[in-house]
N, C-alpha and C. Protein backbone atom coordinates (compact mmCIF):
# COMPACT_ATOMS: atom_id res chain seq x y z
N UNK A 1 3.92 -10.75 -18.03
CA UNK A 1 3.64 -11.72 -16.96
C UNK A 1 4.23 -11.28 -15.66
N UNK A 2 5.56 -10.93 -15.64
CA UNK A 2 6.15 -10.56 -14.40
C UNK A 2 5.55 -9.27 -13.87
N UNK A 3 5.15 -8.33 -14.74
CA UNK A 3 4.57 -7.12 -14.26
C UNK A 3 3.22 -7.39 -13.57
N UNK A 4 2.47 -8.30 -14.18
CA UNK A 4 1.15 -8.71 -13.63
C UNK A 4 1.31 -9.35 -12.22
N UNK A 5 2.34 -10.25 -12.11
CA UNK A 5 2.60 -10.90 -10.86
C UNK A 5 3.05 -9.87 -9.81
N UNK A 6 3.87 -8.97 -10.20
CA UNK A 6 4.36 -7.91 -9.28
C UNK A 6 3.20 -7.12 -8.80
N UNK A 7 2.33 -6.71 -9.70
CA UNK A 7 1.17 -5.89 -9.32
C UNK A 7 0.24 -6.72 -8.40
N UNK A 8 0.06 -7.98 -8.75
CA UNK A 8 -0.81 -8.82 -7.87
C UNK A 8 -0.25 -8.92 -6.46
N UNK A 9 1.04 -9.19 -6.36
CA UNK A 9 1.66 -9.32 -5.04
C UNK A 9 1.53 -8.01 -4.25
N UNK A 10 1.78 -6.83 -4.96
CA UNK A 10 1.63 -5.61 -4.30
C UNK A 10 0.22 -5.37 -3.77
N UNK A 11 -0.73 -5.67 -4.67
CA UNK A 11 -2.15 -5.46 -4.32
C UNK A 11 -2.56 -6.39 -3.18
N UNK A 12 -2.07 -7.63 -3.16
CA UNK A 12 -2.29 -8.47 -2.01
C UNK A 12 -1.82 -7.91 -0.75
N UNK A 13 -0.51 -7.44 -0.79
CA UNK A 13 0.02 -6.87 0.41
C UNK A 13 -0.75 -5.70 0.89
N UNK A 14 -1.11 -4.82 -0.01
CA UNK A 14 -1.88 -3.60 0.33
C UNK A 14 -3.21 -4.00 0.89
N UNK A 15 -3.92 -4.99 0.26
CA UNK A 15 -5.22 -5.29 0.67
C UNK A 15 -5.19 -5.94 2.07
N UNK A 16 -4.16 -6.73 2.30
CA UNK A 16 -3.97 -7.36 3.57
C UNK A 16 -3.78 -6.27 4.66
N UNK A 17 -3.00 -5.28 4.37
CA UNK A 17 -2.84 -4.19 5.26
C UNK A 17 -4.08 -3.41 5.55
N UNK A 18 -4.91 -3.22 4.46
CA UNK A 18 -6.15 -2.58 4.59
C UNK A 18 -7.10 -3.29 5.57
N UNK A 19 -7.11 -4.61 5.44
CA UNK A 19 -7.97 -5.39 6.34
C UNK A 19 -7.47 -5.31 7.73
N UNK A 20 -6.21 -5.26 8.00
CA UNK A 20 -5.63 -5.14 9.33
C UNK A 20 -5.91 -3.77 9.98
N UNK A 21 -5.76 -2.76 9.12
CA UNK A 21 -5.82 -1.35 9.70
C UNK A 21 -7.11 -0.66 9.49
N UNK A 22 -8.14 -1.41 8.96
CA UNK A 22 -9.37 -0.71 8.59
C UNK A 22 -9.93 0.03 9.75
N UNK A 23 -9.90 -0.55 10.96
CA UNK A 23 -10.51 0.04 12.12
C UNK A 23 -9.77 1.37 12.52
N UNK A 24 -8.51 1.44 12.18
CA UNK A 24 -7.76 2.67 12.58
C UNK A 24 -7.97 3.77 11.58
N UNK A 25 -8.42 3.50 10.39
CA UNK A 25 -8.58 4.54 9.35
C UNK A 25 -9.82 5.30 9.48
N UNK A 26 -9.70 6.61 9.25
CA UNK A 26 -10.90 7.43 9.09
C UNK A 26 -11.68 6.83 7.87
N UNK A 27 -13.04 6.81 7.96
CA UNK A 27 -13.84 6.22 6.96
C UNK A 27 -13.58 6.80 5.56
N UNK A 28 -13.45 8.13 5.50
CA UNK A 28 -13.21 8.82 4.21
C UNK A 28 -11.78 8.42 3.68
N UNK A 29 -10.88 8.37 4.53
CA UNK A 29 -9.53 7.95 4.10
C UNK A 29 -9.57 6.53 3.52
N UNK A 30 -10.29 5.65 4.20
CA UNK A 30 -10.33 4.25 3.71
C UNK A 30 -11.03 4.20 2.38
N UNK A 31 -12.05 5.04 2.12
CA UNK A 31 -12.71 5.08 0.84
C UNK A 31 -11.77 5.52 -0.25
N UNK A 32 -10.95 6.54 0.07
CA UNK A 32 -9.97 7.04 -0.89
C UNK A 32 -8.90 5.98 -1.15
N UNK A 33 -8.48 5.34 -0.09
CA UNK A 33 -7.46 4.28 -0.23
C UNK A 33 -7.95 3.09 -1.12
N UNK A 34 -9.17 2.66 -0.86
CA UNK A 34 -9.77 1.61 -1.66
C UNK A 34 -9.85 2.09 -3.17
N UNK A 35 -10.26 3.28 -3.38
CA UNK A 35 -10.43 3.82 -4.69
C UNK A 35 -9.00 3.92 -5.34
N UNK A 36 -8.00 4.25 -4.62
CA UNK A 36 -6.64 4.35 -5.13
C UNK A 36 -6.17 2.96 -5.54
N UNK A 37 -6.44 1.98 -4.75
CA UNK A 37 -6.03 0.61 -5.06
C UNK A 37 -6.73 0.13 -6.36
N UNK A 38 -8.08 0.33 -6.42
CA UNK A 38 -8.77 -0.11 -7.58
C UNK A 38 -8.30 0.56 -8.82
N UNK A 39 -8.02 1.91 -8.76
CA UNK A 39 -7.46 2.61 -9.91
C UNK A 39 -6.08 2.08 -10.28
N UNK A 40 -5.26 1.80 -9.30
CA UNK A 40 -3.96 1.20 -9.57
C UNK A 40 -4.13 -0.08 -10.31
N UNK A 41 -5.00 -0.95 -9.85
CA UNK A 41 -5.20 -2.30 -10.43
C UNK A 41 -5.77 -2.15 -11.86
N UNK A 42 -6.49 -1.07 -12.15
CA UNK A 42 -7.06 -0.92 -13.46
C UNK A 42 -6.21 -0.05 -14.38
N UNK A 43 -5.01 0.31 -13.97
CA UNK A 43 -4.10 1.03 -14.73
C UNK A 43 -4.36 2.51 -14.84
N UNK A 44 -5.20 3.02 -13.99
CA UNK A 44 -5.53 4.43 -13.89
C UNK A 44 -4.53 5.06 -12.91
N UNK A 45 -3.33 5.16 -13.26
CA UNK A 45 -2.23 5.54 -12.36
C UNK A 45 -2.38 7.03 -11.82
N UNK A 46 -2.77 7.94 -12.71
CA UNK A 46 -2.85 9.26 -12.30
C UNK A 46 -4.00 9.44 -11.27
N UNK A 47 -5.12 8.77 -11.53
CA UNK A 47 -6.22 8.77 -10.61
C UNK A 47 -5.86 8.09 -9.28
N UNK A 48 -5.07 7.07 -9.32
CA UNK A 48 -4.59 6.36 -8.08
C UNK A 48 -3.80 7.40 -7.27
N UNK A 49 -2.92 8.18 -7.98
CA UNK A 49 -2.11 9.14 -7.24
C UNK A 49 -3.01 10.19 -6.58
N UNK A 50 -3.99 10.65 -7.29
CA UNK A 50 -4.89 11.64 -6.68
C UNK A 50 -5.64 11.15 -5.50
N UNK A 51 -6.05 9.89 -5.53
CA UNK A 51 -6.73 9.29 -4.35
C UNK A 51 -5.78 9.09 -3.20
N UNK A 52 -4.52 8.73 -3.54
CA UNK A 52 -3.52 8.62 -2.44
C UNK A 52 -3.18 9.99 -1.82
N UNK A 53 -3.17 11.02 -2.65
CA UNK A 53 -2.89 12.37 -2.12
C UNK A 53 -3.98 12.76 -1.09
N UNK A 54 -5.17 12.32 -1.38
CA UNK A 54 -6.34 12.66 -0.44
C UNK A 54 -6.10 11.93 0.86
N UNK A 55 -5.67 10.65 0.80
CA UNK A 55 -5.46 9.91 2.03
C UNK A 55 -4.36 10.56 2.79
N UNK A 56 -3.21 10.89 2.18
CA UNK A 56 -2.15 11.48 2.87
C UNK A 56 -2.48 12.78 3.55
N UNK A 57 -3.39 13.51 2.97
CA UNK A 57 -3.84 14.74 3.60
C UNK A 57 -4.57 14.47 4.93
N UNK A 58 -5.29 13.30 4.96
CA UNK A 58 -6.06 12.91 6.15
C UNK A 58 -5.13 12.15 7.09
N UNK A 59 -4.30 11.26 6.61
CA UNK A 59 -3.40 10.41 7.40
C UNK A 59 -1.99 10.39 6.81
N UNK A 60 -1.21 11.37 7.12
CA UNK A 60 0.17 11.47 6.60
C UNK A 60 1.05 10.34 7.05
N UNK A 61 0.67 9.55 7.98
CA UNK A 61 1.55 8.48 8.48
C UNK A 61 1.21 7.05 7.85
N UNK A 62 0.34 7.06 6.87
CA UNK A 62 -0.06 5.78 6.26
C UNK A 62 0.99 5.26 5.30
N UNK A 63 1.71 4.24 5.78
CA UNK A 63 2.76 3.62 4.92
C UNK A 63 2.14 2.99 3.71
N UNK A 64 0.96 2.34 3.88
CA UNK A 64 0.28 1.70 2.79
C UNK A 64 0.02 2.65 1.63
N UNK A 65 -0.40 3.88 1.98
CA UNK A 65 -0.69 4.85 0.95
C UNK A 65 0.59 5.27 0.21
N UNK A 66 1.62 5.42 0.82
CA UNK A 66 2.90 5.78 0.11
C UNK A 66 3.30 4.60 -0.75
N UNK A 67 3.07 3.39 -0.34
CA UNK A 67 3.43 2.24 -1.20
C UNK A 67 2.52 2.23 -2.52
N UNK A 68 1.25 2.54 -2.33
CA UNK A 68 0.37 2.54 -3.49
C UNK A 68 0.79 3.64 -4.48
N UNK A 69 1.05 4.86 -3.88
CA UNK A 69 1.39 5.96 -4.64
C UNK A 69 2.75 5.70 -5.40
N UNK A 70 3.68 5.12 -4.71
CA UNK A 70 4.98 4.78 -5.25
C UNK A 70 4.88 3.91 -6.48
N UNK A 71 4.00 2.82 -6.34
CA UNK A 71 3.76 1.97 -7.47
C UNK A 71 3.14 2.67 -8.63
N UNK A 72 2.22 3.61 -8.38
CA UNK A 72 1.59 4.35 -9.51
C UNK A 72 2.70 5.22 -10.14
N UNK A 73 3.53 5.86 -9.33
CA UNK A 73 4.61 6.68 -9.97
C UNK A 73 5.55 5.78 -10.79
N UNK A 74 5.89 4.59 -10.17
CA UNK A 74 6.73 3.64 -10.98
C UNK A 74 6.11 3.29 -12.28
N UNK A 75 4.82 2.94 -12.35
CA UNK A 75 4.18 2.61 -13.59
C UNK A 75 4.19 3.73 -14.59
N UNK A 76 4.09 4.98 -14.07
CA UNK A 76 4.19 6.16 -15.02
C UNK A 76 5.56 6.53 -15.37
N UNK A 77 6.55 5.81 -14.84
CA UNK A 77 7.99 6.11 -15.19
C UNK A 77 8.59 7.23 -14.41
N UNK A 78 7.91 7.63 -13.36
CA UNK A 78 8.45 8.72 -12.51
C UNK A 78 9.25 7.94 -11.34
N UNK A 79 10.45 7.48 -11.72
CA UNK A 79 11.23 6.66 -10.88
C UNK A 79 11.69 7.40 -9.58
N UNK A 80 12.12 8.61 -9.64
CA UNK A 80 12.51 9.35 -8.52
C UNK A 80 11.38 9.50 -7.48
N UNK A 81 10.18 9.80 -7.92
CA UNK A 81 9.06 9.81 -7.00
C UNK A 81 8.64 8.53 -6.40
N UNK A 82 8.86 7.47 -7.19
CA UNK A 82 8.61 6.12 -6.70
C UNK A 82 9.59 5.81 -5.56
N UNK A 83 10.80 6.19 -5.77
CA UNK A 83 11.85 5.96 -4.75
C UNK A 83 11.52 6.79 -3.52
N UNK A 84 11.14 8.05 -3.70
CA UNK A 84 10.82 9.00 -2.58
C UNK A 84 9.66 8.41 -1.76
N UNK A 85 8.61 7.98 -2.49
CA UNK A 85 7.42 7.49 -1.69
C UNK A 85 7.69 6.13 -0.98
N UNK A 86 8.50 5.27 -1.61
CA UNK A 86 8.89 4.00 -1.02
C UNK A 86 9.69 4.28 0.22
N UNK A 87 10.51 5.27 0.21
CA UNK A 87 11.31 5.62 1.32
C UNK A 87 10.50 6.14 2.44
N UNK A 88 9.47 6.98 2.12
CA UNK A 88 8.52 7.43 3.12
C UNK A 88 7.82 6.24 3.73
N UNK A 89 7.38 5.35 2.95
CA UNK A 89 6.69 4.08 3.49
C UNK A 89 7.61 3.36 4.50
N UNK A 90 8.90 3.22 4.09
CA UNK A 90 9.77 2.45 4.93
C UNK A 90 10.05 3.16 6.25
N UNK A 91 10.09 4.51 6.20
CA UNK A 91 10.28 5.34 7.44
C UNK A 91 9.11 5.00 8.40
N UNK A 92 7.96 4.80 7.84
CA UNK A 92 6.77 4.58 8.72
C UNK A 92 6.54 3.04 9.05
N UNK A 93 7.13 2.23 8.24
CA UNK A 93 6.92 0.81 8.49
C UNK A 93 8.21 0.08 7.94
N UNK A 94 9.11 -0.21 8.85
CA UNK A 94 10.41 -0.81 8.45
C UNK A 94 10.27 -2.25 7.88
N UNK A 95 9.18 -2.86 7.97
CA UNK A 95 9.01 -4.21 7.49
C UNK A 95 8.03 -4.23 6.31
N UNK A 96 7.85 -3.18 5.63
CA UNK A 96 6.94 -3.09 4.48
C UNK A 96 7.55 -3.68 3.21
N UNK A 97 7.27 -4.95 2.92
CA UNK A 97 7.89 -5.61 1.84
C UNK A 97 7.58 -4.92 0.52
N UNK A 98 6.37 -4.43 0.36
CA UNK A 98 6.01 -3.72 -0.88
C UNK A 98 6.90 -2.52 -1.15
N UNK A 99 7.13 -1.74 -0.09
CA UNK A 99 7.95 -0.60 -0.19
C UNK A 99 9.41 -0.92 -0.66
N UNK A 100 10.00 -1.97 -0.02
CA UNK A 100 11.31 -2.37 -0.38
C UNK A 100 11.36 -2.91 -1.87
N UNK A 101 10.32 -3.63 -2.26
CA UNK A 101 10.22 -4.16 -3.54
C UNK A 101 10.19 -3.11 -4.60
N UNK A 102 9.29 -2.15 -4.42
CA UNK A 102 9.16 -1.06 -5.44
C UNK A 102 10.40 -0.24 -5.42
N UNK A 103 10.96 0.11 -4.25
CA UNK A 103 12.20 0.94 -4.27
C UNK A 103 13.38 0.14 -4.90
N UNK A 104 13.53 -1.14 -4.60
CA UNK A 104 14.55 -1.92 -5.18
C UNK A 104 14.40 -1.99 -6.69
N UNK A 105 13.20 -2.18 -7.16
CA UNK A 105 12.94 -2.22 -8.63
C UNK A 105 13.23 -0.84 -9.24
N UNK A 106 12.88 0.17 -8.51
CA UNK A 106 13.13 1.48 -9.08
C UNK A 106 14.60 1.75 -9.17
N UNK A 107 15.31 1.41 -8.09
CA UNK A 107 16.82 1.58 -8.14
C UNK A 107 17.42 0.73 -9.26
N UNK A 108 16.87 -0.46 -9.43
CA UNK A 108 17.33 -1.33 -10.55
C UNK A 108 17.11 -0.68 -11.90
N UNK A 109 15.95 -0.02 -12.06
CA UNK A 109 15.63 0.59 -13.29
C UNK A 109 16.59 1.75 -13.57
N UNK A 110 17.04 2.45 -12.50
CA UNK A 110 17.99 3.50 -12.65
C UNK A 110 19.42 3.02 -12.89
N UNK A 111 19.60 1.70 -12.69
CA UNK A 111 20.96 1.17 -12.84
C UNK A 111 21.76 1.18 -11.53
N UNK A 112 21.19 1.55 -10.44
CA UNK A 112 21.80 1.53 -9.15
C UNK A 112 21.61 0.18 -8.48
N UNK A 113 22.39 -0.78 -8.96
CA UNK A 113 22.22 -2.12 -8.54
C UNK A 113 22.57 -2.42 -7.04
N UNK A 114 23.54 -1.60 -6.60
CA UNK A 114 23.90 -1.82 -5.18
C UNK A 114 22.77 -1.51 -4.21
N UNK A 115 22.10 -0.36 -4.53
CA UNK A 115 20.92 -0.09 -3.66
C UNK A 115 19.78 -0.99 -3.91
N UNK A 116 19.59 -1.38 -5.14
CA UNK A 116 18.48 -2.32 -5.46
C UNK A 116 18.70 -3.59 -4.67
N UNK A 117 19.88 -4.17 -4.73
CA UNK A 117 20.20 -5.43 -4.02
C UNK A 117 20.07 -5.27 -2.55
N UNK A 118 20.42 -4.09 -2.01
CA UNK A 118 20.24 -3.86 -0.56
C UNK A 118 18.77 -3.92 -0.25
N UNK A 119 17.91 -3.36 -1.05
CA UNK A 119 16.45 -3.39 -0.73
C UNK A 119 15.92 -4.82 -0.82
N UNK A 120 16.33 -5.53 -1.86
CA UNK A 120 15.84 -6.93 -2.04
C UNK A 120 16.40 -7.79 -0.92
N UNK A 121 17.60 -7.54 -0.45
CA UNK A 121 18.14 -8.29 0.72
C UNK A 121 17.34 -7.96 1.96
N UNK A 122 16.87 -6.74 2.09
CA UNK A 122 16.02 -6.33 3.26
C UNK A 122 14.73 -7.06 3.26
N UNK A 123 14.22 -7.35 2.09
CA UNK A 123 13.02 -8.16 1.92
C UNK A 123 13.25 -9.54 2.51
N UNK A 124 14.38 -10.17 2.13
CA UNK A 124 14.75 -11.51 2.57
C UNK A 124 15.00 -11.60 4.06
N UNK A 125 15.38 -10.50 4.64
CA UNK A 125 15.54 -10.51 6.17
C UNK A 125 14.14 -10.54 6.82
N UNK A 126 13.14 -9.96 6.16
CA UNK A 126 11.78 -9.95 6.66
C UNK A 126 11.09 -11.26 6.31
N UNK A 127 11.35 -11.73 5.07
CA UNK A 127 10.69 -12.91 4.64
C UNK A 127 11.66 -13.73 3.81
N UNK A 128 12.40 -14.62 4.34
CA UNK A 128 13.45 -15.39 3.62
C UNK A 128 12.90 -16.20 2.39
N UNK A 129 11.66 -16.42 2.39
CA UNK A 129 11.09 -17.21 1.27
C UNK A 129 10.49 -16.36 0.14
N UNK A 130 10.74 -15.09 0.12
CA UNK A 130 10.12 -14.23 -0.87
C UNK A 130 10.94 -14.40 -2.18
N UNK A 131 10.38 -15.16 -3.11
CA UNK A 131 11.04 -15.59 -4.32
C UNK A 131 11.36 -14.45 -5.29
N UNK A 132 10.48 -13.41 -5.38
CA UNK A 132 10.84 -12.28 -6.30
C UNK A 132 12.13 -11.58 -5.87
N UNK A 133 12.33 -11.42 -4.62
CA UNK A 133 13.52 -10.83 -4.16
C UNK A 133 14.79 -11.63 -4.53
N UNK A 134 14.72 -12.95 -4.32
CA UNK A 134 15.79 -13.83 -4.69
C UNK A 134 16.04 -13.78 -6.18
N UNK A 135 15.06 -13.80 -7.01
CA UNK A 135 15.18 -13.68 -8.49
C UNK A 135 15.81 -12.38 -8.86
N UNK A 136 15.34 -11.30 -8.27
CA UNK A 136 15.86 -9.98 -8.58
C UNK A 136 17.38 -9.88 -8.25
N UNK A 137 17.75 -10.47 -7.14
CA UNK A 137 19.14 -10.44 -6.72
C UNK A 137 20.01 -11.24 -7.67
N UNK A 138 19.48 -12.35 -8.07
CA UNK A 138 20.14 -13.21 -9.07
C UNK A 138 20.35 -12.45 -10.38
N UNK A 139 19.35 -11.86 -10.86
CA UNK A 139 19.40 -11.12 -12.15
C UNK A 139 20.42 -9.96 -12.03
N UNK A 140 20.33 -9.28 -10.96
CA UNK A 140 21.29 -8.12 -10.77
C UNK A 140 22.71 -8.60 -10.67
N UNK A 141 22.89 -9.74 -10.09
CA UNK A 141 24.27 -10.36 -10.01
C UNK A 141 24.74 -10.72 -11.44
N UNK A 142 23.91 -11.19 -12.29
CA UNK A 142 24.26 -11.43 -13.65
C UNK A 142 24.59 -10.14 -14.43
N UNK A 143 23.85 -9.13 -14.19
CA UNK A 143 24.13 -7.86 -14.84
C UNK A 143 25.46 -7.31 -14.38
N UNK A 144 25.86 -7.58 -13.14
CA UNK A 144 27.04 -7.04 -12.63
C UNK A 144 28.25 -7.96 -12.93
N UNK A 145 27.94 -9.14 -13.48
CA UNK A 145 29.01 -10.01 -13.86
C UNK A 145 29.46 -10.99 -12.77
N UNK A 146 28.56 -11.22 -11.79
CA UNK A 146 28.86 -12.14 -10.72
C UNK A 146 28.30 -13.48 -11.01
């Protein structure tokens, strides 16, 4: 259930970004990005990564694309690449909640709770009502014995 909710939230954030930035995107890049999102939603993570790679070749500054690819890497268990792509997204868009969420979850999966909590706190600075970040911080605090 939590995984489905997380994926839904991520897809919503990405789709919202797509709507906002559609005019700025090259038409081909937009088609690849849409395909990447659909593949991600359908669990075709390797294909999603392939589509994201195509977008990055056209538009290397697309934070949304790095977020999508980070999520696909996360789902495949490639945590280090998920962190790297999330970091690239954050460099391009300092308020990208999806990037902080994926990176925080990836750090959490690696057991690096300090960095995970820092990312989840970054989300709360952007959106103080983001319940997933609050819940993740609470769980991490329990794991740390707080």
